Amino acid sequence: MRLTAKPVNTHPTEIKLHQVSNIVEISFDDGSVFQLPSEYLRVYTPSAEAVGHAPGQEVLQVGKEDVTIKEIKPVGNYAIALVFSDGHDSGIYTWDLLYKLGAEYQALWANYLHNLEAAGYKRKEPLQN
């Protein structure tokens, strides 16, 4: 799903991958701390594979309930790339996008669940570790 992230002029001070819970915890220099599930980050990947090359080409990401993050790679001083257990590794998550994903988590997750339902996909409960 295509998202536009406005500049927030804040940067991460710490990024932790909690492998047991499949959560990425990101602390920003404005004091904000966000806990973002692997599935959520995967379905909101900014890669062309998911969002296409132009509006209207987005591909709803389904079946990602059990995806995990295998690696977090720095991209310059402005982003990270996530390597997921399903082989996806082409999304570059800028600081602005990560902040938006954290700050708007409730609304974005609800929107994703609505889109799944509208597409007729029944989401399964993810595996518990």
N, C-alpha and C. Protein backbone atom coordinates (compact mmCIF):
# COMPACT_ATOMS: atom_id res chain seq x y z
N MET A 1 0.84 -1.17 0.00
CA MET A 1 0.00 0.00 0.00
C MET A 1 0.89 1.23 0.00
N ARG A 2 0.58 2.11 -0.89
CA ARG A 2 1.40 3.31 -1.08
C ARG A 2 1.14 4.31 0.05
N LEU A 3 2.21 4.76 0.68
CA LEU A 3 2.13 5.77 1.73
C LEU A 3 3.04 6.94 1.37
N THR A 4 2.62 8.11 1.75
CA THR A 4 3.46 9.29 1.60
C THR A 4 3.82 9.77 3.00
N ALA A 5 5.11 9.85 3.27
CA ALA A 5 5.57 10.28 4.58
C ALA A 5 6.16 11.68 4.47
N LYS A 6 5.60 12.59 5.24
CA LYS A 6 6.11 13.96 5.27
C LYS A 6 7.36 14.00 6.15
N PRO A 7 8.29 14.91 5.85
CA PRO A 7 9.48 15.03 6.70
C PRO A 7 9.10 15.36 8.14
N VAL A 8 9.72 14.64 9.08
CA VAL A 8 9.41 14.86 10.49
C VAL A 8 10.59 15.44 11.27
N ASN A 9 11.75 15.53 10.63
CA ASN A 9 12.94 16.12 11.25
C ASN A 9 13.28 15.49 12.59
N THR A 10 13.17 14.18 12.64
CA THR A 10 13.60 13.42 13.81
C THR A 10 14.29 12.16 13.30
N HIS A 11 15.18 11.63 14.10
CA HIS A 11 15.98 10.48 13.68
C HIS A 11 15.97 9.42 14.76
N PRO A 12 16.12 8.17 14.37
CA PRO A 12 16.18 7.11 15.37
C PRO A 12 17.43 7.23 16.24
N THR A 13 17.25 6.94 17.50
CA THR A 13 18.38 6.85 18.42
C THR A 13 18.71 5.40 18.71
N GLU A 14 17.73 4.52 18.48
CA GLU A 14 17.95 3.09 18.70
C GLU A 14 16.93 2.29 17.90
N ILE A 15 17.40 1.20 17.33
CA ILE A 15 16.52 0.27 16.61
C ILE A 15 16.85 -1.12 17.13
N LYS A 16 15.83 -1.79 17.70
CA LYS A 16 16.01 -3.13 18.26
C LYS A 16 15.08 -4.10 17.56
N LEU A 17 15.60 -5.27 17.26
CA LEU A 17 14.78 -6.35 16.72
C LEU A 17 14.55 -7.35 17.83
N HIS A 18 13.30 -7.50 18.24
CA HIS A 18 12.92 -8.48 19.25
C HIS A 18 12.48 -9.74 18.50
N GLN A 19 13.36 -10.71 18.42
CA GLN A 19 13.12 -11.88 17.58
C GLN A 19 12.03 -12.79 18.12
N VAL A 20 11.85 -12.89 19.41
CA VAL A 20 10.82 -13.77 19.95
C VAL A 20 9.43 -13.23 19.63
N SER A 21 9.25 -11.92 19.80
CA SER A 21 7.93 -11.32 19.54
C SER A 21 7.76 -10.83 18.11
N ASN A 22 8.83 -10.86 17.31
CA ASN A 22 8.79 -10.36 15.93
C ASN A 22 8.39 -8.89 15.87
N ILE A 23 8.96 -8.12 16.76
CA ILE A 23 8.70 -6.68 16.86
C ILE A 23 10.00 -5.91 16.61
N VAL A 24 9.89 -4.83 15.83
CA VAL A 24 11.00 -3.88 15.70
C VAL A 24 10.63 -2.68 16.57
N GLU A 25 11.49 -2.39 17.53
CA GLU A 25 11.27 -1.25 18.43
C GLU A 25 12.20 -0.12 17.99
N ILE A 26 11.60 1.03 17.71
CA ILE A 26 12.38 2.17 17.22
C ILE A 26 12.16 3.36 18.15
N SER A 27 13.25 3.88 18.68
CA SER A 27 13.23 5.08 19.51
C SER A 27 13.74 6.24 18.68
N PHE A 28 13.03 7.36 18.74
CA PHE A 28 13.42 8.56 18.00
C PHE A 28 13.90 9.65 18.95
N ASP A 29 14.66 10.59 18.40
CA ASP A 29 15.26 11.64 19.23
C ASP A 29 14.25 12.66 19.76
N ASP A 30 12.98 12.56 19.36
CA ASP A 30 11.95 13.43 19.95
C ASP A 30 11.28 12.75 21.13
N GLY A 31 11.76 11.56 21.51
CA GLY A 31 11.20 10.82 22.64
C GLY A 31 10.17 9.77 22.25
N SER A 32 9.76 9.73 21.01
CA SER A 32 8.79 8.74 20.55
C SER A 32 9.44 7.36 20.48
N VAL A 33 8.68 6.35 20.89
CA VAL A 33 9.12 4.96 20.78
C VAL A 33 7.97 4.18 20.16
N PHE A 34 8.27 3.44 19.10
CA PHE A 34 7.25 2.67 18.39
C PHE A 34 7.65 1.20 18.37
N GLN A 35 6.67 0.34 18.54
CA GLN A 35 6.87 -1.10 18.42
C GLN A 35 6.07 -1.58 17.22
N LEU A 36 6.79 -2.00 16.18
CA LEU A 36 6.17 -2.33 14.90
C LEU A 36 6.33 -3.82 14.60
N PRO A 37 5.21 -4.55 14.51
CA PRO A 37 5.28 -5.98 14.21
C PRO A 37 5.84 -6.25 12.82
N SER A 38 6.50 -7.38 12.68
CA SER A 38 7.11 -7.77 11.41
C SER A 38 6.06 -7.83 10.30
N GLU A 39 4.91 -8.42 10.58
CA GLU A 39 3.86 -8.52 9.56
C GLU A 39 3.45 -7.13 9.07
N TYR A 40 3.27 -6.21 9.98
CA TYR A 40 2.89 -4.83 9.64
C TYR A 40 3.93 -4.18 8.74
N LEU A 41 5.21 -4.32 9.10
CA LEU A 41 6.27 -3.74 8.28
C LEU A 41 6.32 -4.40 6.90
N ARG A 42 6.05 -5.71 6.86
CA ARG A 42 6.09 -6.43 5.59
C ARG A 42 4.95 -5.97 4.67
N VAL A 43 3.74 -5.83 5.20
CA VAL A 43 2.62 -5.48 4.33
C VAL A 43 2.66 -4.01 3.91
N TYR A 44 3.38 -3.19 4.65
CA TYR A 44 3.55 -1.79 4.27
C TYR A 44 4.92 -1.53 3.66
N THR A 45 5.51 -2.56 3.04
CA THR A 45 6.80 -2.37 2.38
C THR A 45 6.70 -1.28 1.31
N PRO A 46 7.69 -0.42 1.24
CA PRO A 46 7.67 0.62 0.20
C PRO A 46 8.26 0.15 -1.13
N SER A 47 8.50 -1.14 -1.28
CA SER A 47 9.15 -1.62 -2.51
C SER A 47 8.21 -1.57 -3.71
N ALA A 48 8.79 -1.48 -4.88
CA ALA A 48 8.01 -1.45 -6.12
C ALA A 48 7.22 -2.73 -6.32
N GLU A 49 7.69 -3.83 -5.76
CA GLU A 49 6.97 -5.11 -5.85
C GLU A 49 5.56 -4.99 -5.26
N ALA A 50 5.43 -4.18 -4.22
CA ALA A 50 4.14 -4.02 -3.54
C ALA A 50 3.38 -2.77 -3.98
N VAL A 51 4.07 -1.68 -4.20
CA VAL A 51 3.39 -0.42 -4.52
C VAL A 51 3.38 -0.10 -6.01
N GLY A 52 4.11 -0.89 -6.79
CA GLY A 52 4.17 -0.62 -8.22
C GLY A 52 5.04 0.59 -8.50
N HIS A 53 4.98 1.04 -9.73
CA HIS A 53 5.78 2.20 -10.14
C HIS A 53 4.95 3.47 -10.30
N ALA A 54 3.64 3.33 -10.10
CA ALA A 54 2.75 4.49 -10.21
C ALA A 54 1.48 4.20 -9.40
N PRO A 55 0.77 5.25 -9.01
CA PRO A 55 -0.49 5.04 -8.30
C PRO A 55 -1.42 4.13 -9.09
N GLY A 56 -2.11 3.26 -8.35
CA GLY A 56 -3.03 2.33 -8.98
C GLY A 56 -2.41 0.97 -9.28
N GLN A 57 -1.11 0.84 -9.07
CA GLN A 57 -0.42 -0.43 -9.33
C GLN A 57 -0.13 -1.21 -8.05
N GLU A 58 -0.67 -0.76 -6.93
CA GLU A 58 -0.41 -1.40 -5.65
C GLU A 58 -0.94 -2.85 -5.64
N VAL A 59 -0.20 -3.72 -4.95
CA VAL A 59 -0.58 -5.12 -4.81
C VAL A 59 -0.79 -5.39 -3.32
N LEU A 60 -2.01 -5.75 -2.94
CA LEU A 60 -2.30 -6.07 -1.55
C LEU A 60 -1.46 -7.26 -1.12
N GLN A 61 -0.73 -7.11 -0.04
CA GLN A 61 0.14 -8.16 0.47
C GLN A 61 -0.68 -9.08 1.39
N VAL A 62 -0.79 -10.35 1.04
CA VAL A 62 -1.57 -11.30 1.82
C VAL A 62 -0.69 -12.47 2.24
N GLY A 63 -1.13 -13.17 3.28
CA GLY A 63 -0.40 -14.35 3.73
C GLY A 63 0.90 -14.05 4.43
N LYS A 64 1.00 -12.91 5.08
CA LYS A 64 2.25 -12.50 5.72
C LYS A 64 2.19 -12.62 7.25
N GLU A 65 1.20 -13.35 7.76
CA GLU A 65 0.98 -13.45 9.19
C GLU A 65 2.18 -13.99 9.96
N ASP A 66 2.91 -14.93 9.37
CA ASP A 66 4.02 -15.57 10.07
C ASP A 66 5.40 -15.10 9.63
N VAL A 67 5.45 -14.02 8.86
CA VAL A 67 6.74 -13.52 8.38
C VAL A 67 7.54 -12.95 9.56
N THR A 68 8.83 -13.15 9.49
CA THR A 68 9.73 -12.58 10.50
C THR A 68 10.80 -11.75 9.79
N ILE A 69 11.53 -10.99 10.58
CA ILE A 69 12.64 -10.21 10.03
C ILE A 69 13.93 -10.93 10.38
N LYS A 70 14.70 -11.22 9.35
CA LYS A 70 15.96 -11.95 9.53
C LYS A 70 17.13 -11.00 9.75
N GLU A 71 17.03 -9.79 9.17
CA GLU A 71 18.16 -8.86 9.25
C GLU A 71 17.67 -7.44 9.03
N ILE A 72 18.35 -6.51 9.69
CA ILE A 72 18.13 -5.08 9.48
C ILE A 72 19.44 -4.50 8.97
N LYS A 73 19.39 -3.89 7.78
CA LYS A 73 20.59 -3.33 7.16
C LYS A 73 20.48 -1.81 7.09
N PRO A 74 21.50 -1.09 7.52
CA PRO A 74 21.48 0.36 7.36
C PRO A 74 21.59 0.75 5.89
N VAL A 75 20.91 1.82 5.52
CA VAL A 75 20.99 2.38 4.17
C VAL A 75 21.40 3.84 4.36
N GLY A 76 22.66 4.12 4.14
CA GLY A 76 23.16 5.48 4.34
C GLY A 76 22.86 5.94 5.76
N ASN A 77 22.53 7.21 5.90
CA ASN A 77 22.15 7.73 7.21
C ASN A 77 20.69 8.19 7.20
N TYR A 78 19.89 7.56 6.33
CA TYR A 78 18.51 8.00 6.19
C TYR A 78 17.47 6.88 6.23
N ALA A 79 17.91 5.61 6.31
CA ALA A 79 16.93 4.53 6.19
C ALA A 79 17.53 3.19 6.62
N ILE A 80 16.64 2.18 6.63
CA ILE A 80 17.06 0.80 6.82
C ILE A 80 16.38 -0.05 5.75
N ALA A 81 17.00 -1.19 5.45
CA ALA A 81 16.39 -2.20 4.60
C ALA A 81 16.15 -3.42 5.48
N LEU A 82 14.99 -4.02 5.35
CA LEU A 82 14.64 -5.19 6.14
C LEU A 82 14.68 -6.43 5.27
N VAL A 83 15.25 -7.50 5.79
CA VAL A 83 15.28 -8.78 5.10
C VAL A 83 14.28 -9.68 5.82
N PHE A 84 13.22 -10.07 5.11
CA PHE A 84 12.15 -10.85 5.70
C PHE A 84 12.33 -12.34 5.42
N SER A 85 11.70 -13.15 6.24
CA SER A 85 11.82 -14.61 6.12
C SER A 85 11.18 -15.16 4.85
N ASP A 86 10.31 -14.39 4.21
CA ASP A 86 9.71 -14.85 2.94
C ASP A 86 10.57 -14.49 1.73
N GLY A 87 11.78 -13.97 1.99
CA GLY A 87 12.70 -13.63 0.91
C GLY A 87 12.62 -12.19 0.46
N HIS A 88 11.62 -11.45 0.89
CA HIS A 88 11.49 -10.05 0.49
C HIS A 88 12.59 -9.22 1.14
N ASP A 89 13.28 -8.42 0.33
CA ASP A 89 14.38 -7.61 0.88
C ASP A 89 14.61 -6.31 0.12
N SER A 90 13.62 -5.87 -0.65
CA SER A 90 13.86 -4.71 -1.51
C SER A 90 13.21 -3.41 -1.03
N GLY A 91 12.58 -3.41 0.12
CA GLY A 91 11.97 -2.18 0.62
C GLY A 91 12.96 -1.35 1.41
N ILE A 92 13.02 -0.07 1.15
CA ILE A 92 13.87 0.84 1.92
C ILE A 92 12.96 1.71 2.77
N TYR A 93 13.09 1.57 4.08
CA TYR A 93 12.25 2.26 5.05
C TYR A 93 13.00 3.49 5.57
N THR A 94 12.60 4.66 5.08
CA THR A 94 13.24 5.90 5.52
C THR A 94 12.81 6.21 6.95
N TRP A 95 13.56 7.10 7.60
CA TRP A 95 13.20 7.51 8.96
C TRP A 95 11.80 8.12 8.96
N ASP A 96 11.48 8.93 7.96
CA ASP A 96 10.16 9.56 7.89
C ASP A 96 9.05 8.50 7.76
N LEU A 97 9.28 7.48 6.92
CA LEU A 97 8.28 6.42 6.76
C LEU A 97 8.13 5.62 8.05
N LEU A 98 9.22 5.27 8.69
CA LEU A 98 9.13 4.52 9.95
C LEU A 98 8.39 5.32 11.02
N TYR A 99 8.63 6.61 11.05
CA TYR A 99 7.93 7.45 12.02
C TYR A 99 6.42 7.46 11.73
N LYS A 100 6.07 7.60 10.47
CA LYS A 100 4.66 7.58 10.07
C LYS A 100 4.03 6.23 10.42
N LEU A 101 4.73 5.13 10.10
CA LEU A 101 4.20 3.80 10.41
C LEU A 101 3.97 3.64 11.91
N GLY A 102 4.84 4.24 12.72
CA GLY A 102 4.66 4.18 14.17
C GLY A 102 3.55 5.09 14.67
N ALA A 103 3.58 6.33 14.25
CA ALA A 103 2.62 7.32 14.73
C ALA A 103 1.19 7.02 14.28
N GLU A 104 1.04 6.39 13.14
CA GLU A 104 -0.29 6.12 12.59
C GLU A 104 -0.63 4.62 12.58
N TYR A 105 0.02 3.88 13.46
CA TYR A 105 -0.13 2.42 13.47
C TYR A 105 -1.59 1.98 13.53
N GLN A 106 -2.36 2.47 14.48
CA GLN A 106 -3.74 2.01 14.66
C GLN A 106 -4.56 2.20 13.39
N ALA A 107 -4.50 3.36 12.80
CA ALA A 107 -5.30 3.65 11.60
C ALA A 107 -4.80 2.85 10.40
N LEU A 108 -3.49 2.75 10.23
CA LEU A 108 -2.95 2.02 9.09
C LEU A 108 -3.22 0.52 9.19
N TRP A 109 -3.11 -0.03 10.39
CA TRP A 109 -3.39 -1.45 10.57
C TRP A 109 -4.87 -1.73 10.31
N ALA A 110 -5.75 -0.88 10.83
CA ALA A 110 -7.19 -1.04 10.58
C ALA A 110 -7.50 -0.96 9.09
N ASN A 111 -6.84 -0.05 8.38
CA ASN A 111 -7.02 0.09 6.94
C ASN A 111 -6.59 -1.18 6.21
N TYR A 112 -5.46 -1.73 6.61
CA TYR A 112 -4.97 -2.97 6.01
C TYR A 112 -5.97 -4.11 6.23
N LEU A 113 -6.45 -4.27 7.46
CA LEU A 113 -7.42 -5.33 7.76
C LEU A 113 -8.70 -5.14 6.96
N HIS A 114 -9.13 -3.90 6.80
CA HIS A 114 -10.31 -3.60 5.98
C HIS A 114 -10.08 -4.01 4.53
N ASN A 115 -8.91 -3.68 4.00
CA ASN A 115 -8.59 -4.04 2.61
C ASN A 115 -8.53 -5.55 2.41
N LEU A 116 -8.01 -6.27 3.40
CA LEU A 116 -8.00 -7.74 3.32
C LEU A 116 -9.41 -8.28 3.24
N GLU A 117 -10.26 -7.78 4.13
CA GLU A 117 -11.65 -8.23 4.16
C GLU A 117 -12.36 -7.92 2.86
N ALA A 118 -12.14 -6.72 2.34
CA ALA A 118 -12.77 -6.31 1.08
C ALA A 118 -12.30 -7.19 -0.09
N ALA A 119 -11.08 -7.71 0.01
CA ALA A 119 -10.54 -8.57 -1.04
C ALA A 119 -10.97 -10.03 -0.85
N GLY A 120 -11.69 -10.30 0.25
CA GLY A 120 -12.15 -11.66 0.51
C GLY A 120 -11.10 -12.56 1.15
N TYR A 121 -10.04 -11.97 1.69
CA TYR A 121 -8.99 -12.76 2.32
C TYR A 121 -9.27 -12.89 3.80
N LYS A 122 -9.26 -14.10 4.31
CA LYS A 122 -9.43 -14.34 5.75
C LYS A 122 -8.06 -14.50 6.37
N ARG A 123 -7.70 -13.54 7.17
CA ARG A 123 -6.39 -13.54 7.83
C ARG A 123 -6.37 -14.59 8.94
N LYS A 124 -5.31 -15.39 8.97
CA LYS A 124 -5.16 -16.37 10.04
C LYS A 124 -4.38 -15.72 11.18
N GLU A 125 -4.52 -16.28 12.36
CA GLU A 125 -3.75 -15.78 13.49
C GLU A 125 -2.30 -16.22 13.32
N PRO A 126 -1.35 -15.32 13.55
CA PRO A 126 0.06 -15.68 13.39
C PRO A 126 0.48 -16.72 14.43
N LEU A 127 1.55 -17.45 14.10
CA LEU A 127 2.10 -18.41 15.05
C LEU A 127 2.58 -17.69 16.30
N GLN A 128 2.38 -18.30 17.42
CA GLN A 128 2.88 -17.74 18.68
C GLN A 128 4.20 -18.41 19.03
N ASN A 129 5.19 -17.62 19.39
CA ASN A 129 6.50 -18.18 19.75
C ASN A 129 6.54 -18.58 21.21
